Amino acid sequence: MTNIQRDILIGLLFVVGILGFISGEFILSTIMFGTAALFSNVVLSYSLHH
């Protein structure tokens, strides 16, 4: 997965989380924000170690 694909994936998860929060789907938005944060941190830590 290239850097641009990772950025797009993280951005999409974040946008879906925001839209879910606005529409009142708080469980969905929490899951999307959490997934985006975890994926971002995993990618960042993987990039630093390799």
N, C-alpha and C. Protein backbone atom coordinates (compact mmCIF):
# COMPACT_ATOMS: atom_id res chain seq x y z
N MET A 1 0.86 -1.17 0.00
CA MET A 1 0.00 0.00 0.00
C MET A 1 0.90 1.24 0.00
N THR A 2 0.68 2.12 -0.93
CA THR A 2 1.51 3.31 -1.03
C THR A 2 1.07 4.36 -0.01
N ASN A 3 1.89 5.38 0.13
CA ASN A 3 1.58 6.45 1.09
C ASN A 3 0.28 7.16 0.75
N ILE A 4 0.03 7.40 -0.54
CA ILE A 4 -1.19 8.11 -0.93
C ILE A 4 -2.42 7.26 -0.63
N GLN A 5 -2.32 5.94 -0.83
CA GLN A 5 -3.44 5.06 -0.52
C GLN A 5 -3.72 5.04 0.99
N ARG A 6 -2.67 5.03 1.80
CA ARG A 6 -2.85 5.07 3.26
C ARG A 6 -3.50 6.38 3.68
N ASP A 7 -3.03 7.48 3.10
CA ASP A 7 -3.61 8.79 3.45
C ASP A 7 -5.08 8.87 3.05
N ILE A 8 -5.41 8.33 1.90
CA ILE A 8 -6.81 8.33 1.45
C ILE A 8 -7.67 7.49 2.38
N LEU A 9 -7.17 6.31 2.77
CA LEU A 9 -7.92 5.43 3.67
C LEU A 9 -8.16 6.10 5.02
N ILE A 10 -7.13 6.69 5.59
CA ILE A 10 -7.27 7.36 6.88
C ILE A 10 -8.21 8.55 6.76
N GLY A 11 -8.10 9.30 5.68
CA GLY A 11 -8.99 10.43 5.45
C GLY A 11 -10.44 10.01 5.31
N LEU A 12 -10.68 8.93 4.57
CA LEU A 12 -12.05 8.44 4.40
C LEU A 12 -12.64 7.96 5.73
N LEU A 13 -11.84 7.25 6.52
CA LEU A 13 -12.32 6.82 7.84
C LEU A 13 -12.69 8.03 8.70
N PHE A 14 -11.86 9.06 8.64
CA PHE A 14 -12.11 10.26 9.43
C PHE A 14 -13.38 10.97 8.97
N VAL A 15 -13.56 11.10 7.65
CA VAL A 15 -14.75 11.77 7.11
C VAL A 15 -16.01 10.99 7.45
N VAL A 16 -15.95 9.65 7.32
CA VAL A 16 -17.11 8.83 7.68
C VAL A 16 -17.43 8.98 9.16
N GLY A 17 -16.39 9.09 9.99
CA GLY A 17 -16.61 9.32 11.42
C GLY A 17 -17.29 10.64 11.69
N ILE A 18 -16.87 11.68 10.99
CA ILE A 18 -17.51 13.00 11.16
C ILE A 18 -18.96 12.96 10.69
N LEU A 19 -19.20 12.36 9.53
CA LEU A 19 -20.58 12.28 9.03
C LEU A 19 -21.46 11.45 9.95
N GLY A 20 -20.91 10.38 10.50
CA GLY A 20 -21.66 9.57 11.45
C GLY A 20 -21.98 10.35 12.72
N PHE A 21 -21.04 11.15 13.18
CA PHE A 21 -21.28 11.96 14.38
C PHE A 21 -22.37 13.00 14.12
N ILE A 22 -22.32 13.64 12.96
CA ILE A 22 -23.32 14.66 12.63
C ILE A 22 -24.71 14.04 12.52
N SER A 23 -24.79 12.83 11.97
CA SER A 23 -26.10 12.21 11.77
C SER A 23 -26.62 11.52 13.04
N GLY A 24 -25.82 11.50 14.08
CA GLY A 24 -26.27 10.92 15.34
C GLY A 24 -25.86 9.47 15.54
N GLU A 25 -25.10 8.93 14.64
CA GLU A 25 -24.62 7.55 14.76
C GLU A 25 -23.32 7.55 15.57
N PHE A 26 -23.46 7.69 16.89
CA PHE A 26 -22.30 7.89 17.73
C PHE A 26 -21.43 6.63 17.84
N ILE A 27 -22.04 5.46 17.79
CA ILE A 27 -21.26 4.22 17.85
C ILE A 27 -20.43 4.08 16.58
N LEU A 28 -21.05 4.33 15.43
CA LEU A 28 -20.33 4.27 14.15
C LEU A 28 -19.18 5.28 14.12
N SER A 29 -19.46 6.50 14.54
CA SER A 29 -18.41 7.52 14.50
C SER A 29 -17.26 7.18 15.44
N THR A 30 -17.57 6.61 16.61
CA THR A 30 -16.53 6.22 17.54
C THR A 30 -15.66 5.12 16.94
N ILE A 31 -16.29 4.16 16.29
CA ILE A 31 -15.54 3.07 15.66
C ILE A 31 -14.66 3.60 14.53
N MET A 32 -15.19 4.51 13.72
CA MET A 32 -14.41 5.06 12.60
C MET A 32 -13.24 5.90 13.09
N PHE A 33 -13.48 6.77 14.11
CA PHE A 33 -12.38 7.56 14.65
C PHE A 33 -11.32 6.67 15.27
N GLY A 34 -11.75 5.65 15.99
CA GLY A 34 -10.80 4.72 16.62
C GLY A 34 -10.00 3.96 15.58
N THR A 35 -10.67 3.49 14.54
CA THR A 35 -9.98 2.76 13.48
C THR A 35 -8.98 3.66 12.77
N ALA A 36 -9.37 4.89 12.49
CA ALA A 36 -8.45 5.82 11.83
C ALA A 36 -7.24 6.10 12.71
N ALA A 37 -7.47 6.30 14.00
CA ALA A 37 -6.35 6.58 14.91
C ALA A 37 -5.42 5.38 15.03
N LEU A 38 -5.99 4.20 15.19
CA LEU A 38 -5.15 3.00 15.31
C LEU A 38 -4.37 2.74 14.02
N PHE A 39 -5.04 2.82 12.89
CA PHE A 39 -4.37 2.57 11.62
C PHE A 39 -3.27 3.59 11.38
N SER A 40 -3.54 4.85 11.70
CA SER A 40 -2.54 5.89 11.53
C SER A 40 -1.33 5.63 12.41
N ASN A 41 -1.56 5.24 13.66
CA ASN A 41 -0.44 4.98 14.57
C ASN A 41 0.33 3.73 14.17
N VAL A 42 -0.36 2.70 13.71
CA VAL A 42 0.33 1.48 13.28
C VAL A 42 1.19 1.77 12.06
N VAL A 43 0.67 2.50 11.11
CA VAL A 43 1.44 2.85 9.91
C VAL A 43 2.62 3.71 10.29
N LEU A 44 2.42 4.67 11.17
CA LEU A 44 3.51 5.56 11.58
C LEU A 44 4.60 4.79 12.32
N SER A 45 4.23 3.93 13.25
CA SER A 45 5.23 3.16 13.99
C SER A 45 5.94 2.17 13.08
N TYR A 46 5.22 1.57 12.13
CA TYR A 46 5.82 0.63 11.19
C TYR A 46 6.84 1.37 10.31
N SER A 47 6.49 2.57 9.88
CA SER A 47 7.38 3.35 9.02
C SER A 47 8.65 3.76 9.76
N LEU A 48 8.55 4.04 11.04
CA LEU A 48 9.70 4.45 11.82
C LEU A 48 10.66 3.29 12.09
N HIS A 49 10.13 2.08 12.21
CA HIS A 49 10.95 0.94 12.54
C HIS A 49 11.52 0.23 11.32
N HIS A 50 11.03 0.51 10.13
CA HIS A 50 11.55 -0.17 8.93
C HIS A 50 12.04 0.81 7.91
